Amino acid sequence: MTNPAIRYVGSPDFHDGYVRAVALSNNQVQVTVEGDTGKKYLVTFEGVAGIELLSPQDMMLYALSETDIDTESLRKYDFINWYVDEPDEPESKAYLRVHATKFTVTPSVTS
């Protein structure tokens, strides 16, 4: 595959927001994101084939991106760390990537 296109997905409120929780079960991942406005969202990934994470809780977000990968039905979803361009900052080490078939974003019912 040649240079897959990166698409920014999810709520624009994710920009400057925070990952607050990550829950794994069966082939599903749920991520609670607190947007810049303080509104909380539940991002649910289904058909999860893989997850890569390092200390994602409280990671400040630049955005959520989606990229096509070599496996036809899967996409890579990357919660882009706000500090990704600042490798000397301790906060830059956190990441969260999910390989899944689809995702949905709904307002969180818990505050």
PDB file of N, CA and C in Angstrom:
ATOM      1  N   MET A   1       0.856  -1.176   0.000  1.00  0.00           N
ATOM      2  CA  MET A   1       0.000   0.000   0.000  1.00  0.00           C
ATOM      3  C   MET A   1       0.902   1.240   0.000  1.00  0.00           C
ATOM      4  N   THR A   2       0.559   2.212  -0.810  1.00  0.00           N
ATOM      5  CA  THR A   2       1.375   3.409  -0.903  1.00  0.00           C
ATOM      6  C   THR A   2       0.740   4.560  -0.143  1.00  0.00           C
ATOM      7  N   ASN A   3       1.483   5.158   0.729  1.00  0.00           N
ATOM      8  CA  ASN A   3       1.074   6.339   1.489  1.00  0.00           C
ATOM      9  C   ASN A   3      -0.442   6.476   1.681  1.00  0.00           C
ATOM     10  N   PRO A   4      -0.996   5.704   2.603  1.00  0.00           N
ATOM     11  CA  PRO A   4      -2.440   5.794   2.813  1.00  0.00           C
ATOM     12  C   PRO A   4      -2.837   7.183   3.319  1.00  0.00           C
ATOM     13  N   ALA A   5      -4.010   7.606   2.884  1.00  0.00           N
ATOM     14  CA  ALA A   5      -4.516   8.917   3.296  1.00  0.00           C
ATOM     15  C   ALA A   5      -4.948   8.878   4.757  1.00  0.00           C
ATOM     16  N   ILE A   6      -4.624   9.923   5.475  1.00  0.00           N
ATOM     17  CA  ILE A   6      -5.047  10.063   6.867  1.00  0.00           C
ATOM     18  C   ILE A   6      -6.266  10.971   6.881  1.00  0.00           C
ATOM     19  N   ARG A   7      -7.321  10.490   7.541  1.00  0.00           N
ATOM     20  CA  ARG A   7      -8.550  11.279   7.666  1.00  0.00           C
ATOM     21  C   ARG A   7      -8.770  11.578   9.143  1.00  0.00           C
ATOM     22  N   TYR A   8      -9.114  12.804   9.443  1.00  0.00           N
ATOM     23  CA  TYR A   8      -9.459  13.152  10.820  1.00  0.00           C
ATOM     24  C   TYR A   8     -10.939  12.863  10.999  1.00  0.00           C
ATOM     25  N   VAL A   9     -11.267  12.119  12.061  1.00  0.00           N
ATOM     26  CA  VAL A   9     -12.636  11.667  12.301  1.00  0.00           C
ATOM     27  C   VAL A   9     -13.041  12.001  13.733  1.00  0.00           C
ATOM     28  N   GLY A  10     -14.296  11.777  14.030  1.00  0.00           N
ATOM     29  CA  GLY A  10     -14.775  12.073  15.377  1.00  0.00           C
ATOM     30  C   GLY A  10     -15.169  13.533  15.486  1.00  0.00           C
ATOM     31  N   SER A  11     -15.433  13.928  16.701  1.00  0.00           N
ATOM     32  CA  SER A  11     -15.887  15.290  16.968  1.00  0.00           C
ATOM     33  C   SER A  11     -14.740  16.296  16.878  1.00  0.00           C
ATOM     34  N   PRO A  12     -14.978  17.462  16.293  1.00  0.00           N
ATOM     35  CA  PRO A  12     -13.955  18.520  16.323  1.00  0.00           C
ATOM     36  C   PRO A  12     -13.600  18.914  17.760  1.00  0.00           C
ATOM     37  N   ASP A  13     -14.490  18.629  18.708  1.00  0.00           N
ATOM     38  CA  ASP A  13     -14.261  18.931  20.120  1.00  0.00           C
ATOM     39  C   ASP A  13     -13.112  18.099  20.701  1.00  0.00           C
ATOM     40  N   PHE A  14     -12.703  17.006  20.007  1.00  0.00           N
ATOM     41  CA  PHE A  14     -11.584  16.181  20.479  1.00  0.00           C
ATOM     42  C   PHE A  14     -10.280  16.984  20.479  1.00  0.00           C
ATOM     43  N   HIS A  15     -10.167  17.954  19.550  1.00  0.00           N
ATOM     44  CA  HIS A  15      -8.963  18.779  19.475  1.00  0.00           C
ATOM     45  C   HIS A  15      -8.815  19.518  20.804  1.00  0.00           C
ATOM     46  N   ASP A  16      -7.695  19.325  21.455  1.00  0.00           N
ATOM     47  CA  ASP A  16      -7.402  19.874  22.789  1.00  0.00           C
ATOM     48  C   ASP A  16      -8.168  19.142  23.892  1.00  0.00           C
ATOM     49  N   GLY A  17      -8.784  18.003  23.562  1.00  0.00           N
ATOM     50  CA  GLY A  17      -9.481  17.200  24.566  1.00  0.00           C
ATOM     51  C   GLY A  17      -8.534  16.207  25.224  1.00  0.00           C
ATOM     52  N   TYR A  18      -9.093  15.280  25.992  1.00  0.00           N
ATOM     53  CA  TYR A  18      -8.296  14.305  26.742  1.00  0.00           C
ATOM     54  C   TYR A  18      -8.913  12.918  26.676  1.00  0.00           C
ATOM     55  N   VAL A  19      -8.060  11.894  26.597  1.00  0.00           N
ATOM     56  CA  VAL A  19      -8.511  10.519  26.787  1.00  0.00           C
ATOM     57  C   VAL A  19      -8.667  10.346  28.293  1.00  0.00           C
ATOM     58  N   ARG A  20      -9.855   9.954  28.742  1.00  0.00           N
ATOM     59  CA  ARG A  20     -10.098   9.795  30.174  1.00  0.00           C
ATOM     60  C   ARG A  20     -10.136   8.342  30.623  1.00  0.00           C
ATOM     61  N   ALA A  21     -10.517   7.420  29.726  1.00  0.00           N
ATOM     62  CA  ALA A  21     -10.572   6.006  30.102  1.00  0.00           C
ATOM     63  C   ALA A  21     -10.548   5.143  28.850  1.00  0.00           C
ATOM     64  N   VAL A  22     -10.016   3.919  29.006  1.00  0.00           N
ATOM     65  CA  VAL A  22      -9.999   2.927  27.940  1.00  0.00           C
ATOM     66  C   VAL A  22     -10.479   1.615  28.545  1.00  0.00           C
ATOM     67  N   ALA A  23     -11.489   0.999  27.932  1.00  0.00           N
ATOM     68  CA  ALA A  23     -12.020  -0.280  28.405  1.00  0.00           C
ATOM     69  C   ALA A  23     -11.988  -1.284  27.259  1.00  0.00           C
ATOM     70  N   LEU A  24     -11.457  -2.474  27.549  1.00  0.00           N
ATOM     71  CA  LEU A  24     -11.341  -3.532  26.556  1.00  0.00           C
ATOM     72  C   LEU A  24     -12.266  -4.676  26.928  1.00  0.00           C
ATOM     73  N   SER A  25     -13.009  -5.212  25.941  1.00  0.00           N
ATOM     74  CA  SER A  25     -13.800  -6.411  26.183  1.00  0.00           C
ATOM     75  C   SER A  25     -14.061  -7.107  24.856  1.00  0.00           C
ATOM     76  N   ASN A  26     -13.829  -8.432  24.843  1.00  0.00           N
ATOM     77  CA  ASN A  26     -14.002  -9.231  23.621  1.00  0.00           C
ATOM     78  C   ASN A  26     -13.312  -8.554  22.447  1.00  0.00           C
ATOM     79  N   ASN A  27     -14.035  -8.273  21.386  1.00  0.00           N
ATOM     80  CA  ASN A  27     -13.414  -7.602  20.234  1.00  0.00           C
ATOM     81  C   ASN A  27     -13.903  -6.158  20.120  1.00  0.00           C
ATOM     82  N   GLN A  28     -14.083  -5.522  21.299  1.00  0.00           N
ATOM     83  CA  GLN A  28     -14.562  -4.143  21.351  1.00  0.00           C
ATOM     84  C   GLN A  28     -13.667  -3.329  22.295  1.00  0.00           C
ATOM     85  N   VAL A  29     -13.444  -2.081  21.929  1.00  0.00           N
ATOM     86  CA  VAL A  29     -12.702  -1.136  22.767  1.00  0.00           C
ATOM     87  C   VAL A  29     -13.574   0.100  22.917  1.00  0.00           C
ATOM     88  N   GLN A  30     -13.706   0.581  24.156  1.00  0.00           N
ATOM     89  CA  GLN A  30     -14.435   1.822  24.405  1.00  0.00           C
ATOM     90  C   GLN A  30     -13.481   2.830  25.026  1.00  0.00           C
ATOM     91  N   VAL A  31     -13.487   4.026  24.456  1.00  0.00           N
ATOM     92  CA  VAL A  31     -12.606   5.095  24.916  1.00  0.00           C
ATOM     93  C   VAL A  31     -13.477   6.282  25.305  1.00  0.00           C
ATOM     94  N   THR A  32     -13.305   6.763  26.529  1.00  0.00           N
ATOM     95  CA  THR A  32     -13.996   7.970  26.964  1.00  0.00           C
ATOM     96  C   THR A  32     -13.078   9.153  26.689  1.00  0.00           C
ATOM     97  N   VAL A  33     -13.609  10.111  25.937  1.00  0.00           N
ATOM     98  CA  VAL A  33     -12.863  11.321  25.604  1.00  0.00           C
ATOM     99  C   VAL A  33     -13.606  12.509  26.198  1.00  0.00           C
ATOM    100  N   GLU A  34     -12.863  13.360  26.891  1.00  0.00           N
ATOM    101  CA  GLU A  34     -13.421  14.627  27.355  1.00  0.00           C
ATOM    102  C   GLU A  34     -12.968  15.691  26.375  1.00  0.00           C
ATOM    103  N   GLY A  35     -13.934  16.275  25.671  1.00  0.00           N
ATOM    104  CA  GLY A  35     -13.616  17.281  24.665  1.00  0.00           C
ATOM    105  C   GLY A  35     -13.138  18.577  25.293  1.00  0.00           C
ATOM    106  N   ASP A  36     -12.645  19.461  24.445  1.00  0.00           N
ATOM    107  CA  ASP A  36     -12.147  20.763  24.886  1.00  0.00           C
ATOM    108  C   ASP A  36     -13.216  21.554  25.628  1.00  0.00           C
ATOM    109  N   THR A  37     -14.489  21.330  25.285  1.00  0.00           N
ATOM    110  CA  THR A  37     -15.585  22.060  25.923  1.00  0.00           C
ATOM    111  C   THR A  37     -16.006  21.437  27.256  1.00  0.00           C
ATOM    112  N   GLY A  38     -15.401  20.269  27.602  1.00  0.00           N
ATOM    113  CA  GLY A  38     -15.780  19.570  28.824  1.00  0.00           C
ATOM    114  C   GLY A  38     -16.815  18.483  28.592  1.00  0.00           C
ATOM    115  N   LYS A  39     -17.394  18.445  27.395  1.00  0.00           N
ATOM    116  CA  LYS A  39     -18.371  17.411  27.054  1.00  0.00           C
ATOM    117  C   LYS A  39     -17.649  16.074  26.910  1.00  0.00           C
ATOM    118  N   LYS A  40     -18.282  14.993  27.419  1.00  0.00           N
ATOM    119  CA  LYS A  40     -17.675  13.669  27.323  1.00  0.00           C
ATOM    120  C   LYS A  40     -18.326  12.860  26.215  1.00  0.00           C
ATOM    121  N   TYR A  41     -17.502  12.061  25.551  1.00  0.00           N
ATOM    122  CA  TYR A  41     -17.925  11.215  24.445  1.00  0.00           C
ATOM    123  C   TYR A  41     -17.450   9.791  24.703  1.00  0.00           C
ATOM    124  N   LEU A  42     -18.225   8.833  24.221  1.00  0.00           N
ATOM    125  CA  LEU A  42     -17.824   7.440  24.256  1.00  0.00           C
ATOM    126  C   LEU A  42     -17.534   7.019  22.819  1.00  0.00           C
ATOM    127  N   VAL A  43     -16.285   6.660  22.553  1.00  0.00           N
ATOM    128  CA  VAL A  43     -15.872   6.207  21.231  1.00  0.00           C
ATOM    129  C   VAL A  43     -15.789   4.684  21.314  1.00  0.00           C
ATOM    130  N   THR A  44     -16.628   4.005  20.538  1.00  0.00           N
ATOM    131  CA  THR A  44     -16.690   2.550  20.575  1.00  0.00           C
ATOM    132  C   THR A  44     -16.144   1.987  19.266  1.00  0.00           C
ATOM    133  N   PHE A  45     -15.145   1.110  19.391  1.00  0.00           N
ATOM    134  CA  PHE A  45     -14.554   0.438  18.239  1.00  0.00           C
ATOM    135  C   PHE A  45     -15.047  -0.997  18.228  1.00  0.00           C
ATOM    136  N   GLU A  46     -15.501  -1.448  17.069  1.00  0.00           N
ATOM    137  CA  GLU A  46     -15.988  -2.818  16.931  1.00  0.00           C
ATOM    138  C   GLU A  46     -15.135  -3.563  15.915  1.00  0.00           C
ATOM    139  N   GLY A  47     -15.132  -4.894  16.043  1.00  0.00           N
ATOM    140  CA  GLY A  47     -14.308  -5.707  15.161  1.00  0.00           C
ATOM    141  C   GLY A  47     -12.837  -5.429  15.388  1.00  0.00           C
ATOM    142  N   VAL A  48     -12.446  -5.284  16.658  1.00  0.00           N
ATOM    143  CA  VAL A  48     -11.065  -4.922  16.998  1.00  0.00           C
ATOM    144  C   VAL A  48     -10.134  -6.106  16.742  1.00  0.00           C
ATOM    145  N   ALA A  49      -9.116  -5.860  15.931  1.00  0.00           N
ATOM    146  CA  ALA A  49      -8.120  -6.879  15.618  1.00  0.00           C
ATOM    147  C   ALA A  49      -6.810  -6.633  16.364  1.00  0.00           C
ATOM    148  N   GLY A  50      -6.645  -5.441  16.919  1.00  0.00           N
ATOM    149  CA  GLY A  50      -5.428  -5.129  17.649  1.00  0.00           C
ATOM    150  C   GLY A  50      -5.511  -3.777  18.314  1.00  0.00           C
ATOM    151  N   ILE A  51      -4.726  -3.633  19.366  1.00  0.00           N
ATOM    152  CA  ILE A  51      -4.645  -2.352  20.069  1.00  0.00           C
ATOM    153  C   ILE A  51      -3.207  -2.160  20.537  1.00  0.00           C
ATOM    154  N   GLU A  52      -2.724  -0.939  20.403  1.00  0.00           N
ATOM    155  CA  GLU A  52      -1.399  -0.556  20.891  1.00  0.00           C
ATOM    156  C   GLU A  52      -1.616   0.622  21.824  1.00  0.00           C
ATOM    157  N   LEU A  53      -1.088   0.535  23.038  1.00  0.00           N
ATOM    158  CA  LEU A  53      -1.280   1.640  23.961  1.00  0.00           C
ATOM    159  C   LEU A  53      -0.143   1.725  24.957  1.00  0.00           C
ATOM    160  N   LEU A  54       0.105   2.942  25.376  1.00  0.00           N
ATOM    161  CA  LEU A  54       1.060   3.226  26.446  1.00  0.00           C
ATOM    162  C   LEU A  54       0.531   4.436  27.198  1.00  0.00           C
ATOM    163  N   SER A  55       0.073   4.204  28.402  1.00  0.00           N
ATOM    164  CA  SER A  55      -0.398   5.266  29.299  1.00  0.00           C
ATOM    165  C   SER A  55      -1.323   6.275  28.627  1.00  0.00           C
ATOM    166  N   PRO A  56      -2.405   5.815  27.969  1.00  0.00           N
ATOM    167  CA  PRO A  56      -3.252   6.777  27.260  1.00  0.00           C
ATOM    168  C   PRO A  56      -4.149   7.618  28.162  1.00  0.00           C
ATOM    169  N   GLN A  57      -4.402   7.155  29.394  1.00  0.00           N
ATOM    170  CA  GLN A  57      -5.311   7.911  30.258  1.00  0.00           C
ATOM    171  C   GLN A  57      -4.745   9.293  30.544  1.00  0.00           C
ATOM    172  N   ASP A  58      -5.572  10.303  30.331  1.00  0.00           N
ATOM    173  CA  ASP A  58      -5.240  11.722  30.516  1.00  0.00           C
ATOM    174  C   ASP A  58      -4.314  12.280  29.444  1.00  0.00           C
ATOM    175  N   MET A  59      -4.129  11.533  28.348  1.00  0.00           N
ATOM    176  CA  MET A  59      -3.337  12.035  27.227  1.00  0.00           C
ATOM    177  C   MET A  59      -4.109  13.173  26.551  1.00  0.00           C
ATOM    178  N   MET A  60      -3.441  14.290  26.328  1.00  0.00           N
ATOM    179  CA  MET A  60      -4.056  15.408  25.613  1.00  0.00           C
ATOM    180  C   MET A  60      -4.047  15.089  24.125  1.00  0.00           C
ATOM    181  N   LEU A  61      -5.181  15.362  23.476  1.00  0.00           N
ATOM    182  CA  LEU A  61      -5.339  14.993  22.071  1.00  0.00           C
ATOM    183  C   LEU A  61      -5.144  16.159  21.121  1.00  0.00           C
ATOM    184  N   TYR A  62      -4.535  15.829  20.005  1.00  0.00           N
ATOM    185  CA  TYR A  62      -4.560  16.727  18.863  1.00  0.00           C
ATOM    186  C   TYR A  62      -5.793  16.393  18.026  1.00  0.00           C
ATOM    187  N   ALA A  63      -6.008  15.088  17.785  1.00  0.00           N
ATOM    188  CA  ALA A  63      -7.145  14.647  16.981  1.00  0.00           C
ATOM    189  C   ALA A  63      -7.242  13.128  17.031  1.00  0.00           C
ATOM    190  N   LEU A  64      -8.309  12.600  16.429  1.00  0.00           N
ATOM    191  CA  LEU A  64      -8.464  11.173  16.173  1.00  0.00           C
ATOM    192  C   LEU A  64      -8.383  11.001  14.670  1.00  0.00           C
ATOM    193  N   SER A  65      -7.477  10.132  14.212  1.00  0.00           N
ATOM    194  CA  SER A  65      -7.327   9.923  12.769  1.00  0.00           C
ATOM    195  C   SER A  65      -7.690   8.495  12.398  1.00  0.00           C
ATOM    196  N   GLU A  66      -8.029   8.319  11.120  1.00  0.00           N
ATOM    197  CA  GLU A  66      -8.357   7.016  10.553  1.00  0.00           C
ATOM    198  C   GLU A  66      -7.497   6.831   9.314  1.00  0.00           C
ATOM    199  N   THR A  67      -6.893   5.651   9.186  1.00  0.00           N
ATOM    200  CA  THR A  67      -6.044   5.352   8.043  1.00  0.00           C
ATOM    201  C   THR A  67      -6.373   3.964   7.527  1.00  0.00           C
ATOM    202  N   ASP A  68      -6.437   3.794   6.215  1.00  0.00           N
ATOM    203  CA  ASP A  68      -6.592   2.468   5.630  1.00  0.00           C
ATOM    204  C   ASP A  68      -5.309   1.686   5.859  1.00  0.00           C
ATOM    205  N   ILE A  69      -5.457   0.370   6.055  1.00  0.00           N
ATOM    206  CA  ILE A  69      -4.283  -0.489   6.194  1.00  0.00           C
ATOM    207  C   ILE A  69      -4.409  -1.630   5.195  1.00  0.00           C
ATOM    208  N   ASP A  70      -3.409  -2.494   5.151  1.00  0.00           N
ATOM    209  CA  ASP A  70      -3.358  -3.559   4.152  1.00  0.00           C
ATOM    210  C   ASP A  70      -4.512  -4.557   4.245  1.00  0.00           C
ATOM    211  N   THR A  71      -5.037  -4.792   5.445  1.00  0.00           N
ATOM    212  CA  THR A  71      -6.165  -5.696   5.595  1.00  0.00           C
ATOM    213  C   THR A  71      -7.420  -4.946   5.170  1.00  0.00           C
ATOM    214  N   GLU A  72      -8.110  -5.457   4.172  1.00  0.00           N
ATOM    215  CA  GLU A  72      -9.175  -4.714   3.485  1.00  0.00           C
ATOM    216  C   GLU A  72     -10.243  -4.114   4.403  1.00  0.00           C
ATOM    217  N   SER A  73     -10.768  -4.884   5.339  1.00  0.00           N
ATOM    218  CA  SER A  73     -11.895  -4.389   6.140  1.00  0.00           C
ATOM    219  C   SER A  73     -11.461  -3.606   7.382  1.00  0.00           C
ATOM    220  N   LEU A  74     -10.165  -3.575   7.674  1.00  0.00           N
ATOM    221  CA  LEU A  74      -9.689  -2.894   8.889  1.00  0.00           C
ATOM    222  C   LEU A  74      -9.201  -1.492   8.603  1.00  0.00           C
ATOM    223  N   ARG A  75      -9.301  -0.656   9.628  1.00  0.00           N
ATOM    224  CA  ARG A  75      -8.754   0.699   9.610  1.00  0.00           C
ATOM    225  C   ARG A  75      -7.891   0.863  10.866  1.00  0.00           C
ATOM    226  N   LYS A  76      -6.919   1.753  10.782  1.00  0.00           N
ATOM    227  CA  LYS A  76      -6.129   2.093  11.971  1.00  0.00           C
ATOM    228  C   LYS A  76      -6.644   3.433  12.479  1.00  0.00           C
ATOM    229  N   TYR A  77      -7.027   3.443  13.745  1.00  0.00           N
ATOM    230  CA  TYR A  77      -7.489   4.658  14.403  1.00  0.00           C
ATOM    231  C   TYR A  77      -6.410   5.074  15.388  1.00  0.00           C
ATOM    232  N   ASP A  78      -5.966   6.298  15.275  1.00  0.00           N
ATOM    233  CA  ASP A  78      -4.864   6.792  16.088  1.00  0.00           C
ATOM    234  C   ASP A  78      -5.319   8.030  16.860  1.00  0.00           C
ATOM    235  N   PHE A  79      -5.298   7.920  18.182  1.00  0.00           N
ATOM    236  CA  PHE A  79      -5.546   9.087  19.024  1.00  0.00           C
ATOM    237  C   PHE A  79      -4.219   9.840  19.053  1.00  0.00           C
ATOM    238  N   ILE A  80      -4.142  10.922  18.300  1.00  0.00           N
ATOM    239  CA  ILE A  80      -2.869  11.627  18.124  1.00  0.00           C
ATOM    240  C   ILE A  80      -2.582  12.488  19.338  1.00  0.00           C
ATOM    241  N   ASN A  81      -1.450  12.199  19.948  1.00  0.00           N
ATOM    242  CA  ASN A  81      -0.994  12.902  21.146  1.00  0.00           C
ATOM    243  C   ASN A  81      -0.641  14.351  20.788  1.00  0.00           C
ATOM    244  N   TRP A  82      -1.159  15.286  21.573  1.00  0.00           N
ATOM    245  CA  TRP A  82      -0.884  16.713  21.369  1.00  0.00           C
ATOM    246  C   TRP A  82       0.624  16.979  21.338  1.00  0.00           C
ATOM    247  N   TYR A  83       1.392  16.215  22.106  1.00  0.00           N
ATOM    248  CA  TYR A  83       2.831  16.439  22.242  1.00  0.00           C
ATOM    249  C   TYR A  83       3.677  15.597  21.289  1.00  0.00           C
ATOM    250  N   VAL A  84       3.078  15.050  20.239  1.00  0.00           N
ATOM    251  CA  VAL A  84       3.781  14.155  19.324  1.00  0.00           C
ATOM    252  C   VAL A  84       5.026  14.817  18.717  1.00  0.00           C
ATOM    253  N   ASP A  85       5.005  16.113  18.528  1.00  0.00           N
ATOM    254  CA  ASP A  85       6.151  16.822  17.940  1.00  0.00           C
ATOM    255  C   ASP A  85       7.135  17.345  18.978  1.00  0.00           C
ATOM    256  N   GLU A  86       6.933  16.962  20.240  1.00  0.00           N
ATOM    257  CA  GLU A  86       7.810  17.415  21.321  1.00  0.00           C
ATOM    258  C   GLU A  86       8.362  16.195  22.075  1.00  0.00           C
ATOM    259  N   PRO A  87       9.271  15.441  21.442  1.00  0.00           N
ATOM    260  CA  PRO A  87       9.738  14.180  22.021  1.00  0.00           C
ATOM    261  C   PRO A  87      10.454  14.312  23.369  1.00  0.00           C
ATOM    262  N   ASP A  88      10.916  15.497  23.723  1.00  0.00           N
ATOM    263  CA  ASP A  88      11.581  15.676  25.015  1.00  0.00           C
ATOM    264  C   ASP A  88      10.589  15.836  26.163  1.00  0.00           C
ATOM    265  N   GLU A  89       9.317  16.050  25.840  1.00  0.00           N
ATOM    266  CA  GLU A  89       8.290  16.199  26.873  1.00  0.00           C
ATOM    267  C   GLU A  89       7.839  14.813  27.347  1.00  0.00           C
ATOM    268  N   PRO A  90       7.753  14.577  28.660  1.00  0.00           N
ATOM    269  CA  PRO A  90       7.303  13.266  29.155  1.00  0.00           C
ATOM    270  C   PRO A  90       5.924  12.875  28.617  1.00  0.00           C
ATOM    271  N   GLU A  91       5.047  13.859  28.398  1.00  0.00           N
ATOM    272  CA  GLU A  91       3.698  13.591  27.912  1.00  0.00           C
ATOM    273  C   GLU A  91       3.688  13.004  26.497  1.00  0.00           C
ATOM    274  N   SER A  92       4.781  13.196  25.754  1.00  0.00           N
ATOM    275  CA  SER A  92       4.826  12.745  24.357  1.00  0.00           C
ATOM    276  C   SER A  92       4.889  11.230  24.217  1.00  0.00           C
ATOM    277  N   LYS A  93       5.192  10.522  25.285  1.00  0.00           N
ATOM    278  CA  LYS A  93       5.362   9.060  25.214  1.00  0.00           C
ATOM    279  C   LYS A  93       4.039   8.310  25.114  1.00  0.00           C
ATOM    280  N   ALA A  94       2.930   8.887  25.568  1.00  0.00           N
ATOM    281  CA  ALA A  94       1.630   8.212  25.581  1.00  0.00           C
ATOM    282  C   ALA A  94       1.080   8.055  24.168  1.00  0.00           C
ATOM    283  N   TYR A  95       0.421   6.915  23.913  1.00  0.00           N
ATOM    284  CA  TYR A  95      -0.243   6.721  22.632  1.00  0.00           C
ATOM    285  C   TYR A  95      -1.376   5.708  22.765  1.00  0.00           C
ATOM    286  N   LEU A  96      -2.284   5.756  21.791  1.00  0.00           N
ATOM    287  CA  LEU A  96      -3.388   4.811  21.705  1.00  0.00           C
ATOM    288  C   LEU A  96      -3.734   4.632  20.235  1.00  0.00           C
ATOM    289  N   ARG A  97      -3.605   3.378  19.761  1.00  0.00           N
ATOM    290  CA  ARG A  97      -3.925   3.037  18.376  1.00  0.00           C
ATOM    291  C   ARG A  97      -4.797   1.793  18.387  1.00  0.00           C
ATOM    292  N   VAL A  98      -5.842   1.810  17.578  1.00  0.00           N
ATOM    293  CA  VAL A  98      -6.777   0.691  17.515  1.00  0.00           C
ATOM    294  C   VAL A  98      -6.950   0.280  16.059  1.00  0.00           C
ATOM    295  N   HIS A  99      -6.853  -1.023  15.798  1.00  0.00           N
ATOM    296  CA  HIS A  99      -7.155  -1.572  14.478  1.00  0.00           C
ATOM    297  C   HIS A  99      -8.530  -2.210  14.593  1.00  0.00           C
ATOM    298  N   ALA A 100      -9.494  -1.687  13.854  1.00  0.00           N
ATOM    299  CA  ALA A 100     -10.878  -2.138  13.980  1.00  0.00           C
ATOM    300  C   ALA A 100     -11.613  -1.972  12.651  1.00  0.00           C
ATOM    301  N   THR A 101     -12.793  -2.595  12.584  1.00  0.00           N
ATOM    302  CA  THR A 101     -13.589  -2.484  11.360  1.00  0.00           C
ATOM    303  C   THR A 101     -14.397  -1.195  11.315  1.00  0.00           C
ATOM    304  N   LYS A 102     -14.826  -0.704  12.491  1.00  0.00           N
ATOM    305  CA  LYS A 102     -15.602   0.536  12.498  1.00  0.00           C
ATOM    306  C   LYS A 102     -15.593   1.160  13.892  1.00  0.00           C
ATOM    307  N   PHE A 103     -16.082   2.385  13.947  1.00  0.00           N
ATOM    308  CA  PHE A 103     -16.193   3.085  15.228  1.00  0.00           C
ATOM    309  C   PHE A 103     -17.450   3.944  15.219  1.00  0.00           C
ATOM    310  N   THR A 104     -17.925   4.244  16.421  1.00  0.00           N
ATOM    311  CA  THR A 104     -19.025   5.188  16.588  1.00  0.00           C
ATOM    312  C   THR A 104     -18.672   6.116  17.741  1.00  0.00           C
ATOM    313  N   VAL A 105     -19.219   7.327  17.686  1.00  0.00           N
ATOM    314  CA  VAL A 105     -19.019   8.311  18.741  1.00  0.00           C
ATOM    315  C   VAL A 105     -20.406   8.709  19.242  1.00  0.00           C
ATOM    316  N   THR A 106     -20.608   8.588  20.548  1.00  0.00           N
ATOM    317  CA  THR A 106     -21.867   9.005  21.156  1.00  0.00           C
ATOM    318  C   THR A 106     -21.576   9.849  22.388  1.00  0.00           C
ATOM    319  N   PRO A 107     -22.452  10.800  22.685  1.00  0.00           N
ATOM    320  CA  PRO A 107     -22.267  11.544  23.935  1.00  0.00           C
ATOM    321  C   PRO A 107     -22.297  10.577  25.105  1.00  0.00           C
ATOM    322  N   SER A 108     -21.396  10.762  26.051  1.00  0.00           N
ATOM    323  CA  SER A 108     -21.327   9.881  27.223  1.00  0.00           C
ATOM    324  C   SER A 108     -22.466  10.183  28.166  1.00  0.00           C
ATOM    325  N   VAL A 109     -23.052   9.144  28.742  1.00  0.00           N
ATOM    326  CA  VAL A 109     -24.155   9.345  29.677  1.00  0.00           C
ATOM    327  C   VAL A 109     -23.663   9.580  31.100  1.00  0.00           C
ATOM    328  N   THR A 110     -22.364   9.345  31.341  1.00  0.00           N
ATOM    329  CA  THR A 110     -21.808   9.619  32.666  1.00  0.00           C
ATOM    330  C   THR A 110     -21.000  10.899  32.600  1.00  0.00           C
ATOM    331  N   SER A 111     -20.940  11.571  33.715  1.00  0.00           N
ATOM    332  CA  SER A 111     -20.183  12.834  33.703  1.00  0.00           C
ATOM    333  C   SER A 111     -18.883  12.683  34.435  1.00  0.00           C
TER     334      SER A 111
END
